C-alpha atoms as a PDB file:
ATOM      1  CA  MET A   1      14.122  -2.207  -7.872  1.00  0.00           C
ATOM      2  CA  PRO A   2      11.163  -4.068  -6.335  1.00  0.00           C
ATOM      3  CA  ARG A   3      11.041  -5.023  -2.673  1.00  0.00           C
ATOM      4  CA  THR A   4      12.249  -8.507  -1.778  1.00  0.00           C
ATOM      5  CA  ILE A   5       9.883 -10.881  -0.004  1.00  0.00           C
ATOM      6  CA  LEU A   6      11.096 -14.110   1.615  1.00  0.00           C
ATOM      7  CA  ILE A   7       8.486 -16.861   1.846  1.00  0.00           C
ATOM      8  CA  VAL A   8       9.171 -19.715   4.270  1.00  0.00           C
ATOM      9  CA  ASP A   9       6.802 -22.655   3.924  1.00  0.00           C
ATOM     10  CA  ASN A  10       7.298 -26.407   3.713  1.00  0.00           C
ATOM     11  CA  ASP A  11       4.370 -26.888   1.321  1.00  0.00           C
ATOM     12  CA  ARG A  12       5.753 -26.740  -2.249  1.00  0.00           C
ATOM     13  CA  PRO A  13       2.424 -25.975  -3.990  1.00  0.00           C
ATOM     14  CA  THR A  14       1.868 -23.044  -1.610  1.00  0.00           C
ATOM     15  CA  LEU A  15       5.407 -21.772  -2.227  1.00  0.00           C
ATOM     16  CA  GLU A  16       4.934 -21.994  -5.981  1.00  0.00           C
ATOM     17  CA  LEU A  17       1.548 -20.247  -5.891  1.00  0.00           C
ATOM     18  CA  TYR A  18       2.764 -17.379  -3.714  1.00  0.00           C
ATOM     19  CA  GLN A  19       5.998 -17.026  -5.662  1.00  0.00           C
ATOM     20  CA  ARG A  20       4.142 -16.839  -8.969  1.00  0.00           C
ATOM     21  CA  GLU A  21       1.510 -14.365  -7.785  1.00  0.00           C
ATOM     22  CA  LEU A  22       3.666 -12.139  -5.568  1.00  0.00           C
ATOM     23  CA  GLY A  23       6.414 -12.234  -8.192  1.00  0.00           C
ATOM     24  CA  ARG A  24       4.302  -9.922 -10.335  1.00  0.00           C
ATOM     25  CA  GLU A  25       5.031  -7.073  -7.906  1.00  0.00           C
ATOM     26  CA  TYR A  26       7.982  -8.199  -5.805  1.00  0.00           C
ATOM     27  CA  ARG A  27      11.234 -10.076  -5.996  1.00  0.00           C
ATOM     28  CA  VAL A  28      10.323 -13.337  -4.250  1.00  0.00           C
ATOM     29  CA  LEU A  29      12.731 -15.732  -2.551  1.00  0.00           C
ATOM     30  CA  THR A  30      11.510 -19.035  -1.149  1.00  0.00           C
ATOM     31  CA  CYS A  31      12.778 -21.617   1.291  1.00  0.00           C
ATOM     32  CA  THR A  32      11.355 -24.562   3.153  1.00  0.00           C
ATOM     33  CA  ASP A  33      13.041 -24.483   6.563  1.00  0.00           C
ATOM     34  CA  GLU A  34      14.720 -22.344   9.183  1.00  0.00           C
ATOM     35  CA  LEU A  35      18.289 -23.037   8.043  1.00  0.00           C
ATOM     36  CA  GLU A  36      17.560 -21.822   4.530  1.00  0.00           C
ATOM     37  CA  ALA A  37      15.662 -18.822   5.916  1.00  0.00           C
ATOM     38  CA  SER A  38      18.544 -17.845   8.191  1.00  0.00           C
ATOM     39  CA  ALA A  39      21.013 -18.148   5.321  1.00  0.00           C
ATOM     40  CA  VAL A  40      18.881 -15.968   3.059  1.00  0.00           C
ATOM     41  CA  LEU A  41      18.350 -13.360   5.771  1.00  0.00           C
ATOM     42  CA  GLY A  42      22.104 -13.276   6.310  1.00  0.00           C
ATOM     43  CA  VAL A  43      22.888 -12.247   2.738  1.00  0.00           C
ATOM     44  CA  GLU A  44      19.765 -10.682   1.219  1.00  0.00           C
ATOM     45  CA  ASP A  45      18.146  -7.320   1.863  1.00  0.00           C
ATOM     46  CA  VAL A  46      14.659  -8.637   2.631  1.00  0.00           C
ATOM     47  CA  SER A  47      11.757  -6.214   3.006  1.00  0.00           C
ATOM     48  CA  ALA A  48       9.385  -8.724   4.630  1.00  0.00           C
ATOM     49  CA  VAL A  49       9.095 -12.395   5.533  1.00  0.00           C
ATOM     50  CA  VAL A  50       5.956 -14.451   4.982  1.00  0.00           C
ATOM     51  CA  VAL A  51       6.240 -17.524   7.167  1.00  0.00           C
ATOM     52  CA  GLU A  52       4.388 -20.693   8.052  1.00  0.00           C
ATOM     53  CA  PRO A  53       5.844 -21.332  11.532  1.00  0.00           C
ATOM     54  CA  VAL A  54       5.165 -25.062  11.141  1.00  0.00           C
ATOM     55  CA  ALA A  55       7.852 -25.030   8.402  1.00  0.00           C
ATOM     56  CA  LEU A  56      10.356 -23.938  11.039  1.00  0.00           C
ATOM     57  CA  GLY A  57      10.085 -27.176  12.995  1.00  0.00           C
ATOM     58  CA  GLU A  58       8.978 -27.725  16.555  1.00  0.00           C
ATOM     59  CA  ASP A  59      10.735 -24.536  17.657  1.00  0.00           C
ATOM     60  CA  GLY A  60       9.101 -22.560  14.854  1.00  0.00           C
ATOM     61  CA  TRP A  61       7.675 -19.930  17.142  1.00  0.00           C
ATOM     62  CA  ALA A  62      11.052 -19.237  18.748  1.00  0.00           C
ATOM     63  CA  HIS A  63      12.616 -18.951  15.295  1.00  0.00           C
ATOM     64  CA  LEU A  64       9.850 -16.562  14.301  1.00  0.00           C
ATOM     65  CA  ALA A  65      10.776 -14.303  17.197  1.00  0.00           C
ATOM     66  CA  ALA A  66      14.464 -14.445  16.272  1.00  0.00           C
ATOM     67  CA  MET A  67      13.756 -13.697  12.606  1.00  0.00           C
ATOM     68  CA  THR A  68      11.991 -10.463  13.464  1.00  0.00           C
ATOM     69  CA  HIS A  69      14.991  -9.092  15.347  1.00  0.00           C
ATOM     70  CA  MET A  70      18.269 -10.008  13.648  1.00  0.00           C
ATOM     71  CA  PRO A  71      20.999  -8.096  15.533  1.00  0.00           C
ATOM     72  CA  SER A  72      22.941  -7.155  12.399  1.00  0.00           C
ATOM     73  CA  GLN A  73      20.072  -5.381  10.647  1.00  0.00           C
ATOM     74  CA  GLU A  74      16.851  -3.461  10.988  1.00  0.00           C
ATOM     75  CA  PRO A  75      13.908  -5.567  12.157  1.00  0.00           C
ATOM     76  CA  VAL A  76      12.267  -7.390   9.262  1.00  0.00           C
ATOM     77  CA  PRO A  77       8.460  -7.365   9.290  1.00  0.00           C
ATOM     78  CA  VAL A  78       7.061 -10.890   9.526  1.00  0.00           C
ATOM     79  CA  LEU A  79       3.653 -11.873   8.239  1.00  0.00           C
ATOM     80  CA  VAL A  80       2.455 -15.211   9.572  1.00  0.00           C
ATOM     81  CA  CYS A  81       0.486 -17.249   7.066  1.00  0.00           C
ATOM     82  CA  SER A  82      -0.367 -20.437   8.924  1.00  0.00           C
ATOM     83  CA  THR A  83      -2.699 -23.375   9.258  1.00  0.00           C
ATOM     84  CA  GLN A  84      -2.636 -22.710  13.011  1.00  0.00           C
ATOM     85  CA  ASP A  85      -4.687 -19.818  14.322  1.00  0.00           C
ATOM     86  CA  ASP A  86      -2.591 -18.548  17.211  1.00  0.00           C
ATOM     87  CA  ARG A  87      -2.662 -14.806  16.605  1.00  0.00           C
ATOM     88  CA  ARG A  88      -2.047 -13.874  20.203  1.00  0.00           C
ATOM     89  CA  ARG A  89       1.276 -15.724  20.218  1.00  0.00           C
ATOM     90  CA  ASP A  90       2.158 -14.559  16.690  1.00  0.00           C
ATOM     91  CA  PHE A  91       1.723 -10.909  17.631  1.00  0.00           C
ATOM     92  CA  ALA A  92       3.505 -11.389  20.962  1.00  0.00           C
ATOM     93  CA  LEU A  93       6.505 -12.730  19.031  1.00  0.00           C
ATOM     94  CA  GLY A  94       6.578  -9.739  16.711  1.00  0.00           C
ATOM     95  CA  ALA A  95       4.429 -10.640  13.717  1.00  0.00           C
ATOM     96  CA  VAL A  96       2.916  -7.624  11.973  1.00  0.00           C
ATOM     97  CA  ALA A  97       0.040  -9.608  10.446  1.00  0.00           C
ATOM     98  CA  CYS A  98      -1.507 -13.047  10.868  1.00  0.00           C
ATOM     99  CA  LEU A  99      -3.423 -14.835   8.158  1.00  0.00           C
ATOM    100  CA  VAL A 100      -5.030 -18.251   8.574  1.00  0.00           C
ATOM    101  CA  LYS A 101      -4.706 -20.663   5.650  1.00  0.00           C
ATOM    102  CA  PRO A 102      -6.046 -21.167   3.131  1.00  0.00           C
ATOM    103  CA  VAL A 103      -4.916 -17.668   2.100  1.00  0.00           C
ATOM    104  CA  LEU A 104      -5.530 -16.397  -1.388  1.00  0.00           C
ATOM    105  CA  PRO A 105      -2.572 -14.626  -2.992  1.00  0.00           C
ATOM    106  CA  THR A 106      -4.733 -11.496  -3.334  1.00  0.00           C
ATOM    107  CA  THR A 107      -5.261 -11.476   0.439  1.00  0.00           C
ATOM    108  CA  LEU A 108      -1.522 -11.830   1.030  1.00  0.00           C
ATOM    109  CA  LEU A 109      -0.795  -9.030  -1.455  1.00  0.00           C
ATOM    110  CA  ALA A 110      -3.298  -6.788   0.330  1.00  0.00           C
ATOM    111  CA  ALA A 111      -1.594  -7.491   3.681  1.00  0.00           C
ATOM    112  CA  LEU A 112       1.794  -6.572   2.197  1.00  0.00           C
ATOM    113  CA  ARG A 113       0.409  -3.363   0.717  1.00  0.00           C
ATOM    114  CA  ARG A 114      -1.070  -2.410   4.114  1.00  0.00           C
ATOM    115  CA  LEU A 115       2.354  -3.036   5.651  1.00  0.00           C
ATOM    116  CA  TRP A 116       4.057  -0.666   3.209  1.00  0.00           C
ATOM    117  CA  ARG A 117       1.361   2.004   3.724  1.00  0.00           C
ATOM    118  CA  SER A 118       1.762   1.793   7.503  1.00  0.00           C
ATOM    119  CA  GLN A 119       5.525   2.316   7.190  1.00  0.00           C
ATOM    120  CA  LEU A 120       5.130   5.651   5.366  1.00  0.00           C
END
């Protein structure tokens, strides 16, 4: 069974592009806000989260930190894929990778593959 990737972004074309391209290798779930993301994380075994913190509202960065350390499960690796270049804060909050949009699906796939290799 392929790994499950959750993509959280409020830009529908971006969601559709990433879902289509990443869906060739992974099971891809998408949502557009923090409530949907929390609900999915509560019931799905997610291998990684790709998130645009802006999609999480004005407290997006705090939600990012919470998403990486859900008390009921192992920490979920979070890859930030954002229009904002704030890598220092992203990494401080637990992100494992930070990509600045526009991000090609091939670049995102490469970041996910590096993540899996580093976990071996």
